[in-house]
Amino acid sequence: MWQDEIVEEIHRIRQEYAESFNYDLDAIFKDLQKKEAESGRKVVNLAAKCNLTTREQSM
């Protein structure tokens, strides 16, 4: 079976990252939020836009 080296690398990195937090999802989530805040990038919330396309409003 053919294996994609890039996908394998992503799986390895993801495994190492989860392992570094002892597979604690709360700790992983907090770390990702911290990285997001420190990145200085604008974060877009699409939840408000999703409400505009609901079926009720299109009728």
Protein backbone atom coordinates (compact mmCIF):
# COMPACT_ATOMS: atom_id res chain seq x y z
CA MET A 1 0.00 0.00 0.00
CA TRP A 2 1.24 3.47 -0.91
CA GLN A 3 1.97 5.84 1.96
CA ASP A 4 2.22 9.60 1.71
CA GLU A 5 5.34 10.86 3.47
CA ILE A 6 3.71 14.21 4.27
CA VAL A 7 0.69 12.59 5.89
CA GLU A 8 2.95 10.29 7.88
CA GLU A 9 4.95 13.29 9.09
CA ILE A 10 1.77 15.12 10.13
CA HIS A 11 0.60 12.05 12.06
CA ARG A 12 3.98 11.78 13.80
CA ILE A 13 3.99 15.47 14.76
CA ARG A 14 0.39 15.30 15.99
CA GLN A 15 1.22 12.23 18.08
CA GLU A 16 4.26 13.91 19.63
CA TYR A 17 2.25 17.06 20.38
CA ALA A 18 -0.55 15.12 22.09
CA GLU A 19 2.00 13.03 23.97
CA SER A 20 3.69 16.20 25.28
CA PHE A 21 0.41 17.06 27.04
CA ASN A 22 -0.17 13.47 28.21
CA TYR A 23 -3.17 13.36 25.82
CA ASP A 24 -5.02 15.91 28.01
CA LEU A 25 -7.47 17.60 25.62
CA ASP A 26 -8.08 20.53 27.98
CA ALA A 27 -4.34 21.25 28.16
CA ILE A 28 -3.98 20.92 24.38
CA PHE A 29 -6.92 23.29 23.84
CA LYS A 30 -5.47 25.86 26.26
CA ASP A 31 -2.10 25.66 24.50
CA LEU A 32 -3.70 26.19 21.10
CA GLN A 33 -5.67 29.17 22.42
CA LYS A 34 -2.46 30.63 23.85
CA LYS A 35 -0.65 30.17 20.53
CA GLU A 36 -3.58 31.76 18.70
CA ALA A 37 -3.51 34.81 21.00
CA GLU A 38 0.26 35.16 20.70
CA SER A 39 0.22 34.89 16.91
CA GLY A 40 -1.16 38.40 16.48
CA ARG A 41 -3.34 37.20 13.61
CA LYS A 42 -6.93 38.30 13.27
CA VAL A 43 -9.32 35.51 14.21
CA VAL A 44 -12.61 35.46 12.34
CA ASN A 45 -15.75 34.08 13.98
CA LEU A 46 -17.99 32.61 11.31
CA ALA A 47 -20.75 31.63 13.75
CA ALA A 48 -22.57 34.95 13.21
CA LYS A 49 -22.41 34.55 9.43
CA CYS A 50 -23.79 31.02 9.61
CA ASN A 51 -27.00 32.38 11.12
CA LEU A 52 -27.61 34.42 7.96
CA THR A 53 -27.87 31.33 5.82
CA THR A 54 -30.34 29.35 7.87
CA ARG A 55 -33.31 27.87 6.13
CA GLU A 56 -35.78 29.95 8.13
CA GLN A 57 -34.36 33.22 6.84
CA SER A 58 -34.27 32.08 3.23
CA MET A 59 -38.03 31.37 3.15
